[in-house]
Every structure is written in structure tokens, then in C-alpha cells.
PDB file of N, CA and C in Angstrom:
ATOM      1  N   MET A   1     -13.571   8.378   7.528  1.00  0.00           N
ATOM      2  CA  MET A   1     -12.303   7.746   7.218  1.00  0.00           C
ATOM      3  C   MET A   1     -11.889   6.766   8.316  1.00  0.00           C
ATOM      4  N   ASP A   2     -12.296   7.045   9.555  1.00  0.00           N
ATOM      5  CA  ASP A   2     -12.000   6.093  10.627  1.00  0.00           C
ATOM      6  C   ASP A   2     -12.631   4.739  10.331  1.00  0.00           C
ATOM      7  N   THR A   3     -13.752   4.746   9.632  1.00  0.00           N
ATOM      8  CA  THR A   3     -14.417   3.500   9.255  1.00  0.00           C
ATOM      9  C   THR A   3     -13.532   2.695   8.311  1.00  0.00           C
ATOM     10  N   ALA A   4     -12.857   3.368   7.389  1.00  0.00           N
ATOM     11  CA  ALA A   4     -11.951   2.680   6.461  1.00  0.00           C
ATOM     12  C   ALA A   4     -10.798   2.044   7.232  1.00  0.00           C
ATOM     13  N   LEU A   5     -10.276   2.739   8.210  1.00  0.00           N
ATOM     14  CA  LEU A   5      -9.189   2.196   9.022  1.00  0.00           C
ATOM     15  C   LEU A   5      -9.685   0.973   9.797  1.00  0.00           C
ATOM     16  N   ALA A   6     -10.846   1.080  10.401  1.00  0.00           N
ATOM     17  CA  ALA A   6     -11.402  -0.047  11.155  1.00  0.00           C
ATOM     18  C   ALA A   6     -11.650  -1.247  10.244  1.00  0.00           C
ATOM     19  N   ALA A   7     -12.156  -1.001   9.043  1.00  0.00           N
ATOM     20  CA  ALA A   7     -12.414  -2.093   8.094  1.00  0.00           C
ATOM     21  C   ALA A   7     -11.109  -2.769   7.681  1.00  0.00           C
ATOM     22  N   ALA A   8     -10.072  -1.985   7.426  1.00  0.00           N
ATOM     23  CA  ALA A   8      -8.774  -2.556   7.043  1.00  0.00           C
ATOM     24  C   ALA A   8      -8.199  -3.393   8.175  1.00  0.00           C
ATOM     25  N   GLU A   9      -8.249  -2.866   9.400  1.00  0.00           N
ATOM     26  CA  GLU A   9      -7.728  -3.610  10.543  1.00  0.00           C
ATOM     27  C   GLU A   9      -8.517  -4.894  10.777  1.00  0.00           C
ATOM     28  N   PHE A  10      -9.836  -4.819  10.629  1.00  0.00           N
ATOM     29  CA  PHE A  10     -10.703  -5.978  10.794  1.00  0.00           C
ATOM     30  C   PHE A  10     -10.364  -7.056   9.765  1.00  0.00           C
ATOM     31  N   SER A  11     -10.186  -6.649   8.523  1.00  0.00           N
ATOM     32  CA  SER A  11      -9.865  -7.599   7.447  1.00  0.00           C
ATOM     33  C   SER A  11      -8.547  -8.316   7.712  1.00  0.00           C
ATOM     34  N   ILE A  12      -7.566  -7.573   8.143  1.00  0.00           N
ATOM     35  CA  ILE A  12      -6.253  -8.154   8.432  1.00  0.00           C
ATOM     36  C   ILE A  12      -6.348  -9.137   9.597  1.00  0.00           C
ATOM     37  N   ARG A  13      -7.084  -8.763  10.605  1.00  0.00           N
ATOM     38  CA  ARG A  13      -7.233  -9.609  11.791  1.00  0.00           C
ATOM     39  C   ARG A  13      -7.846 -10.965  11.448  1.00  0.00           C
ATOM     40  N   PHE A  14      -8.753 -10.991  10.472  1.00  0.00           N
ATOM     41  CA  PHE A  14      -9.447 -12.227  10.151  1.00  0.00           C
ATOM     42  C   PHE A  14      -8.898 -12.942   8.917  1.00  0.00           C
ATOM     43  N   ASP A  15      -7.770 -12.491   8.417  1.00  0.00           N
ATOM     44  CA  ASP A  15      -7.102 -13.192   7.314  1.00  0.00           C
ATOM     45  C   ASP A  15      -6.178 -14.234   7.922  1.00  0.00           C
ATOM     46  N   LYS A  16      -6.699 -15.390   8.197  1.00  0.00           N
ATOM     47  CA  LYS A  16      -5.934 -16.452   8.855  1.00  0.00           C
ATOM     48  C   LYS A  16      -4.782 -16.958   7.998  1.00  0.00           C
ATOM     49  N   SER A  17      -4.922 -16.863   6.684  1.00  0.00           N
ATOM     50  CA  SER A  17      -3.882 -17.377   5.792  1.00  0.00           C
ATOM     51  C   SER A  17      -2.654 -16.474   5.751  1.00  0.00           C
ATOM     52  N   ARG A  18      -2.836 -15.219   6.085  1.00  0.00           N
ATOM     53  CA  ARG A  18      -1.763 -14.207   6.005  1.00  0.00           C
ATOM     54  C   ARG A  18      -1.196 -14.096   4.588  1.00  0.00           C
ATOM     55  N   LYS A  19      -1.954 -14.541   3.600  1.00  0.00           N
ATOM     56  CA  LYS A  19      -1.497 -14.461   2.215  1.00  0.00           C
ATOM     57  C   LYS A  19      -2.036 -13.223   1.513  1.00  0.00           C
ATOM     58  N   LYS A  20      -2.960 -12.553   2.121  1.00  0.00           N
ATOM     59  CA  LYS A  20      -3.585 -11.391   1.485  1.00  0.00           C
ATOM     60  C   LYS A  20      -2.875 -10.116   1.921  1.00  0.00           C
ATOM     61  N   ASN A  21      -1.598 -10.007   1.528  1.00  0.00           N
ATOM     62  CA  ASN A  21      -0.836  -8.838   1.944  1.00  0.00           C
ATOM     63  C   ASN A  21      -1.379  -7.544   1.363  1.00  0.00           C
ATOM     64  N   TRP A  22      -2.215  -7.633   0.315  1.00  0.00           N
ATOM     65  CA  TRP A  22      -2.823  -6.427  -0.251  1.00  0.00           C
ATOM     66  C   TRP A  22      -3.723  -5.741   0.770  1.00  0.00           C
ATOM     67  N   LEU A  23      -4.183  -6.464   1.776  1.00  0.00           N
ATOM     68  CA  LEU A  23      -5.002  -5.835   2.813  1.00  0.00           C
ATOM     69  C   LEU A  23      -4.215  -4.738   3.526  1.00  0.00           C
ATOM     70  N   PHE A  24      -2.902  -4.919   3.603  1.00  0.00           N
ATOM     71  CA  PHE A  24      -2.060  -3.913   4.252  1.00  0.00           C
ATOM     72  C   PHE A  24      -1.944  -2.644   3.413  1.00  0.00           C
ATOM     73  N   ILE A  25      -2.189  -2.751   2.121  1.00  0.00           N
ATOM     74  CA  ILE A  25      -2.218  -1.553   1.272  1.00  0.00           C
ATOM     75  C   ILE A  25      -3.413  -0.698   1.680  1.00  0.00           C
ATOM     76  N   ASN A  26      -4.557  -1.336   1.895  1.00  0.00           N
ATOM     77  CA  ASN A  26      -5.736  -0.590   2.337  1.00  0.00           C
ATOM     78  C   ASN A  26      -5.486   0.064   3.692  1.00  0.00           C
ATOM     79  N   LEU A  27      -4.800  -0.644   4.574  1.00  0.00           N
ATOM     80  CA  LEU A  27      -4.455  -0.090   5.879  1.00  0.00           C
ATOM     81  C   LEU A  27      -3.561   1.137   5.711  1.00  0.00           C
ATOM     82  N   ALA A  28      -2.569   1.027   4.844  1.00  0.00           N
ATOM     83  CA  ALA A  28      -1.660   2.154   4.600  1.00  0.00           C
ATOM     84  C   ALA A  28      -2.420   3.358   4.061  1.00  0.00           C
ATOM     85  N   HIS A  29      -3.319   3.119   3.114  1.00  0.00           N
ATOM     86  CA  HIS A  29      -4.116   4.223   2.559  1.00  0.00           C
ATOM     87  C   HIS A  29      -4.947   4.890   3.652  1.00  0.00           C
ATOM     88  N   ALA A  30      -5.572   4.086   4.492  1.00  0.00           N
ATOM     89  CA  ALA A  30      -6.404   4.654   5.562  1.00  0.00           C
ATOM     90  C   ALA A  30      -5.556   5.516   6.493  1.00  0.00           C
ATOM     91  N   HIS A  31      -4.391   5.014   6.889  1.00  0.00           N
ATOM     92  CA  HIS A  31      -3.503   5.807   7.739  1.00  0.00           C
ATOM     93  C   HIS A  31      -3.117   7.119   7.054  1.00  0.00           C
ATOM     94  N   MET A  32      -2.744   7.035   5.788  1.00  0.00           N
ATOM     95  CA  MET A  32      -2.330   8.241   5.073  1.00  0.00           C
ATOM     96  C   MET A  32      -3.454   9.263   5.031  1.00  0.00           C
ATOM     97  N   LEU A  33      -4.640   8.817   4.684  1.00  0.00           N
ATOM     98  CA  LEU A  33      -5.763   9.748   4.538  1.00  0.00           C
ATOM     99  C   LEU A  33      -6.228  10.317   5.875  1.00  0.00           C
ATOM    100  N   LEU A  34      -5.878   9.650   6.960  1.00  0.00           N
ATOM    101  CA  LEU A  34      -6.182  10.169   8.297  1.00  0.00           C
ATOM    102  C   LEU A  34      -5.053  11.027   8.852  1.00  0.00           C
ATOM    103  N   GLY A  35      -3.980  11.198   8.062  1.00  0.00           N
ATOM    104  CA  GLY A  35      -2.860  12.024   8.502  1.00  0.00           C
ATOM    105  C   GLY A  35      -1.893  11.305   9.420  1.00  0.00           C
ATOM    106  N   ARG A  36      -1.978  10.005   9.484  1.00  0.00           N
ATOM    107  CA  ARG A  36      -1.069   9.206  10.315  1.00  0.00           C
ATOM    108  C   ARG A  36       0.114   8.769   9.466  1.00  0.00           C
ATOM    109  N   THR A  37       0.956   9.739   9.170  1.00  0.00           N
ATOM    110  CA  THR A  37       2.038   9.562   8.206  1.00  0.00           C
ATOM    111  C   THR A  37       3.011   8.459   8.595  1.00  0.00           C
ATOM    112  N   LYS A  38       3.423   8.421   9.839  1.00  0.00           N
ATOM    113  CA  LYS A  38       4.402   7.410  10.274  1.00  0.00           C
ATOM    114  C   LYS A  38       3.854   6.002  10.052  1.00  0.00           C
ATOM    115  N   GLU A  39       2.619   5.771  10.485  1.00  0.00           N
ATOM    116  CA  GLU A  39       2.011   4.456  10.330  1.00  0.00           C
ATOM    117  C   GLU A  39       1.825   4.105   8.858  1.00  0.00           C
ATOM    118  N   ALA A  40       1.420   5.092   8.062  1.00  0.00           N
ATOM    119  CA  ALA A  40       1.221   4.873   6.626  1.00  0.00           C
ATOM    120  C   ALA A  40       2.535   4.522   5.953  1.00  0.00           C
ATOM    121  N   ARG A  41       3.572   5.278   6.251  1.00  0.00           N
ATOM    122  CA  ARG A  41       4.888   5.032   5.647  1.00  0.00           C
ATOM    123  C   ARG A  41       5.355   3.609   5.963  1.00  0.00           C
ATOM    124  N   GLU A  42       5.247   3.212   7.224  1.00  0.00           N
ATOM    125  CA  GLU A  42       5.671   1.871   7.621  1.00  0.00           C
ATOM    126  C   GLU A  42       4.884   0.800   6.871  1.00  0.00           C
ATOM    127  N   ALA A  43       3.579   1.008   6.733  1.00  0.00           N
ATOM    128  CA  ALA A  43       2.746   0.028   6.033  1.00  0.00           C
ATOM    129  C   ALA A  43       3.073  -0.020   4.544  1.00  0.00           C
ATOM    130  N   TYR A  44       3.292   1.129   3.929  1.00  0.00           N
ATOM    131  CA  TYR A  44       3.615   1.152   2.500  1.00  0.00           C
ATOM    132  C   TYR A  44       4.927   0.428   2.202  1.00  0.00           C
ATOM    133  N   LEU A  45       5.881   0.521   3.100  1.00  0.00           N
ATOM    134  CA  LEU A  45       7.204  -0.049   2.838  1.00  0.00           C
ATOM    135  C   LEU A  45       7.365  -1.475   3.368  1.00  0.00           C
ATOM    136  N   ALA A  46       6.402  -1.948   4.132  1.00  0.00           N
ATOM    137  CA  ALA A  46       6.527  -3.236   4.819  1.00  0.00           C
ATOM    138  C   ALA A  46       6.697  -4.435   3.894  1.00  0.00           C
ATOM    139  N   HIS A  47       6.090  -4.404   2.720  1.00  0.00           N
ATOM    140  CA  HIS A  47       6.115  -5.577   1.837  1.00  0.00           C
ATOM    141  C   HIS A  47       6.766  -5.287   0.488  1.00  0.00           C
ATOM    142  N   ALA A  48       7.596  -4.271   0.444  1.00  0.00           N
ATOM    143  CA  ALA A  48       8.262  -3.916  -0.813  1.00  0.00           C
ATOM    144  C   ALA A  48       9.013  -5.118  -1.367  1.00  0.00           C
ATOM    145  N   GLY A  49       8.875  -5.320  -2.661  1.00  0.00           N
ATOM    146  CA  GLY A  49       9.535  -6.426  -3.329  1.00  0.00           C
ATOM    147  C   GLY A  49       8.716  -7.701  -3.368  1.00  0.00           C
ATOM    148  N   GLU A  50       7.624  -7.735  -2.630  1.00  0.00           N
ATOM    149  CA  GLU A  50       6.765  -8.918  -2.628  1.00  0.00           C
ATOM    150  C   GLU A  50       5.695  -8.785  -3.702  1.00  0.00           C
ATOM    151  N   ARG A  51       5.045  -9.868  -3.968  1.00  0.00           N
ATOM    152  CA  ARG A  51       3.909  -9.861  -4.888  1.00  0.00           C
ATOM    153  C   ARG A  51       2.635  -9.996  -4.074  1.00  0.00           C
ATOM    154  N   ILE A  52       1.593  -9.308  -4.511  1.00  0.00           N
ATOM    155  CA  ILE A  52       0.299  -9.464  -3.866  1.00  0.00           C
ATOM    156  C   ILE A  52      -0.410 -10.661  -4.487  1.00  0.00           C
ATOM    157  N   GLU A  53      -1.544 -10.980  -3.959  1.00  0.00           N
ATOM    158  CA  GLU A  53      -2.268 -12.181  -4.366  1.00  0.00           C
ATOM    159  C   GLU A  53      -2.503 -12.274  -5.875  1.00  0.00           C
ATOM    160  N   SER A  54      -2.690 -11.152  -6.536  1.00  0.00           N
ATOM    161  CA  SER A  54      -2.948 -11.148  -7.985  1.00  0.00           C
ATOM    162  C   SER A  54      -1.694 -11.416  -8.808  1.00  0.00           C
ATOM    163  N   GLY A  55      -0.519 -11.393  -8.162  1.00  0.00           N
ATOM    164  CA  GLY A  55       0.735 -11.567  -8.870  1.00  0.00           C
ATOM    165  C   GLY A  55       1.444 -10.251  -9.145  1.00  0.00           C
ATOM    166  N   MET A  56       0.757  -9.158  -8.920  1.00  0.00           N
ATOM    167  CA  MET A  56       1.329  -7.830  -9.147  1.00  0.00           C
ATOM    168  C   MET A  56       2.337  -7.510  -8.032  1.00  0.00           C
ATOM    169  N   LEU A  57       3.383  -6.808  -8.392  1.00  0.00           N
ATOM    170  CA  LEU A  57       4.334  -6.367  -7.379  1.00  0.00           C
ATOM    171  C   LEU A  57       3.653  -5.393  -6.426  1.00  0.00           C
ATOM    172  N   TRP A  58       3.986  -5.513  -5.162  1.00  0.00           N
ATOM    173  CA  TRP A  58       3.462  -4.646  -4.104  1.00  0.00           C
ATOM    174  C   TRP A  58       3.569  -3.176  -4.508  1.00  0.00           C
ATOM    175  N   GLU A  59       4.759  -2.779  -4.959  1.00  0.00           N
ATOM    176  CA  GLU A  59       4.992  -1.378  -5.313  1.00  0.00           C
ATOM    177  C   GLU A  59       4.075  -0.933  -6.455  1.00  0.00           C
ATOM    178  N   ASP A  60       3.915  -1.789  -7.463  1.00  0.00           N
ATOM    179  CA  ASP A  60       3.072  -1.438  -8.611  1.00  0.00           C
ATOM    180  C   ASP A  60       1.614  -1.274  -8.200  1.00  0.00           C
ATOM    181  N   ALA A  61       1.164  -2.122  -7.292  1.00  0.00           N
ATOM    182  CA  ALA A  61      -0.221  -2.013  -6.809  1.00  0.00           C
ATOM    183  C   ALA A  61      -0.428  -0.685  -6.086  1.00  0.00           C
ATOM    184  N   ILE A  62       0.535  -0.298  -5.279  1.00  0.00           N
ATOM    185  CA  ILE A  62       0.430   0.971  -4.559  1.00  0.00           C
ATOM    186  C   ILE A  62       0.482   2.143  -5.525  1.00  0.00           C
ATOM    187  N   LEU A  63       1.395   2.095  -6.482  1.00  0.00           N
ATOM    188  CA  LEU A  63       1.491   3.183  -7.454  1.00  0.00           C
ATOM    189  C   LEU A  63       0.212   3.326  -8.267  1.00  0.00           C
ATOM    190  N   ASP A  64      -0.401   2.212  -8.626  1.00  0.00           N
ATOM    191  CA  ASP A  64      -1.695   2.257  -9.326  1.00  0.00           C
ATOM    192  C   ASP A  64      -2.753   2.914  -8.449  1.00  0.00           C
ATOM    193  N   ASP A  65      -2.777   2.544  -7.190  1.00  0.00           N
ATOM    194  CA  ASP A  65      -3.739   3.153  -6.274  1.00  0.00           C
ATOM    195  C   ASP A  65      -3.486   4.647  -6.105  1.00  0.00           C
ATOM    196  N   PHE A  66      -2.218   5.045  -6.051  1.00  0.00           N
ATOM    197  CA  PHE A  66      -1.906   6.468  -5.929  1.00  0.00           C
ATOM    198  C   PHE A  66      -2.482   7.248  -7.111  1.00  0.00           C
ATOM    199  N   GLU A  67      -2.374   6.691  -8.307  1.00  0.00           N
ATOM    200  CA  GLU A  67      -2.960   7.351  -9.482  1.00  0.00           C
ATOM    201  C   GLU A  67      -4.459   7.538  -9.307  1.00  0.00           C
ATOM    202  N   LYS A  68      -5.127   6.494  -8.835  1.00  0.00           N
ATOM    203  CA  LYS A  68      -6.579   6.560  -8.631  1.00  0.00           C
ATOM    204  C   LYS A  68      -6.937   7.566  -7.540  1.00  0.00           C
ATOM    205  N   LEU A  69      -6.165   7.570  -6.472  1.00  0.00           N
ATOM    206  CA  LEU A  69      -6.425   8.522  -5.399  1.00  0.00           C
ATOM    207  C   LEU A  69      -6.262   9.960  -5.890  1.00  0.00           C
ATOM    208  N   ARG A  70      -5.199  10.216  -6.634  1.00  0.00           N
ATOM    209  CA  ARG A  70      -4.990  11.561  -7.173  1.00  0.00           C
ATOM    210  C   ARG A  70      -6.114  11.968  -8.117  1.00  0.00           C
ATOM    211  N   ALA A  71      -6.547  11.037  -8.948  1.00  0.00           N
ATOM    212  CA  ALA A  71      -7.628  11.323  -9.897  1.00  0.00           C
ATOM    213  C   ALA A  71      -8.927  11.673  -9.174  1.00  0.00           C
ATOM    214  N   ASN A  72      -9.022  11.230  -7.927  1.00  0.00           N
ATOM    215  CA  ASN A  72     -10.217  11.517  -7.137  1.00  0.00           C
ATOM    216  C   ASN A  72      -9.977  12.588  -6.072  1.00  0.00           C
ATOM    217  N   GLY A  73      -8.939  13.395  -6.294  1.00  0.00           N
ATOM    218  CA  GLY A  73      -8.683  14.528  -5.410  1.00  0.00           C
ATOM    219  C   GLY A  73      -8.109  14.181  -4.057  1.00  0.00           C
ATOM    220  N   ARG A  74      -7.462  13.050  -3.940  1.00  0.00           N
ATOM    221  CA  ARG A  74      -6.920  12.600  -2.654  1.00  0.00           C
ATOM    222  C   ARG A  74      -5.388  12.572  -2.648  1.00  0.00           C
ATOM    223  N   ALA A  75      -4.758  13.556  -3.267  1.00  0.00           N
ATOM    224  CA  ALA A  75      -3.298  13.623  -3.284  1.00  0.00           C
ATOM    225  C   ALA A  75      -2.779  13.890  -1.873  1.00  0.00           C
ATOM    226  N   ASN A  76      -1.579  13.376  -1.605  1.00  0.00           N
ATOM    227  CA  ASN A  76      -0.959  13.549  -0.298  1.00  0.00           C
ATOM    228  C   ASN A  76       0.551  13.580  -0.511  1.00  0.00           C
ATOM    229  N   PRO A  77       1.270  14.459   0.188  1.00  0.00           N
ATOM    230  CA  PRO A  77       2.728  14.531   0.013  1.00  0.00           C
ATOM    231  C   PRO A  77       3.441  13.201   0.271  1.00  0.00           C
ATOM    232  N   LEU A  78       2.881  12.354   1.115  1.00  0.00           N
ATOM    233  CA  LEU A  78       3.510  11.063   1.390  1.00  0.00           C
ATOM    234  C   LEU A  78       3.600  10.218   0.131  1.00  0.00           C
ATOM    235  N   MET A  79       2.687  10.392  -0.796  1.00  0.00           N
ATOM    236  CA  MET A  79       2.713   9.624  -2.041  1.00  0.00           C
ATOM    237  C   MET A  79       4.028   9.848  -2.778  1.00  0.00           C
ATOM    238  N   ILE A  80       4.463  11.089  -2.851  1.00  0.00           N
ATOM    239  CA  ILE A  80       5.717  11.416  -3.541  1.00  0.00           C
ATOM    240  C   ILE A  80       6.891  10.764  -2.818  1.00  0.00           C
ATOM    241  N   GLU A  81       6.878  10.833  -1.504  1.00  0.00           N
ATOM    242  CA  GLU A  81       7.953  10.225  -0.714  1.00  0.00           C
ATOM    243  C   GLU A  81       8.032   8.716  -0.976  1.00  0.00           C
ATOM    244  N   VAL A  82       6.893   8.041  -0.936  1.00  0.00           N
ATOM    245  CA  VAL A  82       6.856   6.597  -1.150  1.00  0.00           C
ATOM    246  C   VAL A  82       7.280   6.261  -2.578  1.00  0.00           C
ATOM    247  N   GLU A  83       6.803   7.034  -3.541  1.00  0.00           N
ATOM    248  CA  GLU A  83       7.200   6.813  -4.943  1.00  0.00           C
ATOM    249  C   GLU A  83       8.706   6.920  -5.097  1.00  0.00           C
ATOM    250  N   ASN A  84       9.328   7.900  -4.438  1.00  0.00           N
ATOM    251  CA  ASN A  84      10.773   8.070  -4.525  1.00  0.00           C
ATOM    252  C   ASN A  84      11.517   6.897  -3.904  1.00  0.00           C
ATOM    253  N   VAL A  85      11.010   6.362  -2.813  1.00  0.00           N
ATOM    254  CA  VAL A  85      11.628   5.178  -2.202  1.00  0.00           C
ATOM    255  C   VAL A  85      11.519   3.995  -3.158  1.00  0.00           C
ATOM    256  N   PHE A  86      10.351   3.814  -3.751  1.00  0.00           N
ATOM    257  CA  PHE A  86      10.148   2.693  -4.670  1.00  0.00           C
ATOM    258  C   PHE A  86      11.073   2.800  -5.885  1.00  0.00           C
ATOM    259  N   LYS A  87      11.346   4.008  -6.350  1.00  0.00           N
ATOM    260  CA  LYS A  87      12.233   4.191  -7.505  1.00  0.00           C
ATOM    261  C   LYS A  87      13.656   3.714  -7.213  1.00  0.00           C
ATOM    262  N   LYS A  88      14.050   3.737  -5.952  1.00  0.00           N
ATOM    263  CA  LYS A  88      15.405   3.350  -5.561  1.00  0.00           C
ATOM    264  C   LYS A  88      15.544   1.852  -5.328  1.00  0.00           C
ATOM    265  N   LEU A  89      14.426   1.135  -5.302  1.00  0.00           N
ATOM    266  CA  LEU A  89      14.482  -0.303  -5.060  1.00  0.00           C
ATOM    267  C   LEU A  89      15.009  -1.035  -6.294  1.00  0.00           C
ATOM    268  N   PRO A  90      15.664  -2.173  -6.082  1.00  0.00           N
ATOM    269  CA  PRO A  90      16.114  -2.957  -7.235  1.00  0.00           C
ATOM    270  C   PRO A  90      14.913  -3.376  -8.086  1.00  0.00           C
ATOM    271  N   THR A  91      15.107  -3.428  -9.377  1.00  0.00           N
ATOM    272  CA  THR A  91      14.052  -3.812 -10.306  1.00  0.00           C
ATOM    273  C   THR A  91      13.734  -5.282 -10.140  1.00  0.00           C
ATOM    274  N   LYS A  92      12.456  -5.614 -10.134  1.00  0.00           N
ATOM    275  CA  LYS A  92      12.013  -6.992  -9.999  1.00  0.00           C
ATOM    276  C   LYS A  92      11.364  -7.492 -11.278  1.00  0.00           C
ATOM    277  N   ALA A  93      11.601  -6.806 -12.375  1.00  0.00           N
ATOM    278  CA  ALA A  93      10.922  -7.117 -13.638  1.00  0.00           C
ATOM    279  C   ALA A  93      11.192  -8.540 -14.116  1.00  0.00           C
ATOM    280  N   ASP A  94      12.347  -9.102 -13.766  1.00  0.00           N
ATOM    281  CA  ASP A  94      12.688 -10.445 -14.239  1.00  0.00           C
ATOM    282  C   ASP A  94      12.097 -11.546 -13.366  1.00  0.00           C
ATOM    283  N   ASP A  95      11.575 -11.166 -12.207  1.00  0.00           N
ATOM    284  CA  ASP A  95      10.966 -12.170 -11.335  1.00  0.00           C
ATOM    285  C   ASP A  95       9.651 -12.633 -11.916  1.00  0.00           C
ATOM    286  N   PRO A  96       9.381 -13.914 -11.871  1.00  0.00           N
ATOM    287  CA  PRO A  96       8.096 -14.408 -12.390  1.00  0.00           C
ATOM    288  C   PRO A  96       6.955 -13.992 -11.479  1.00  0.00           C
ATOM    289  N   PRO A  97       5.783 -13.705 -12.032  1.00  0.00           N
ATOM    290  CA  PRO A  97       4.641 -13.323 -11.195  1.00  0.00           C
ATOM    291  C   PRO A  97       4.132 -14.500 -10.382  1.00  0.00           C
TER     292      PRO A  97
END
């Protein structure tokens, strides 16, 4: 799992455009799976309300990943906490992708 963290950090370091905010989702996942809850929480919430490169809302991309992680036996209590925070955010459904 440390390899996943190193890969995420490496990718972010070399993204000169800073437009690939989805890379921070991978960083957050790596922190969470390594038990680095504080770092994971900060990364998950850092871009709330923004859209990732594909046009998907940051929160929706994370929630989709959480489903995949759970389906593969990687559930973590932080997922519930982050989901609850996202539920309290203002709806962005009317924003264009």
C-alpha cells in the first residue's frame, strides 16, 4: 500500500497543469487504506464542490470509488464520515459539467 501512496504523490508532483485534481482522490484513498485518517480526511474534503477532469463532481467520483472499494472488501469507517459530510454540502446538480 505504501507503493500506492508513493505513486499518488509522484503523479501529483509531476502534474504541472494542476488540472488533474482527481489525482488527489487517489492520494486520499492511499492515506485511508494505510490508516492515515487525518491526511485522508483532509484530502477527501479538499476539493469538495469542484469538478474533476471528466466533468464529474468531486464528491460523486469519491462516492463511486467508495462503492468499488467496498465491493472489493476495502470498507473503512472514514467512508461513512466522508459520505455524511458530502450529504450536508449544497447540491450542485444545476451546475453545468
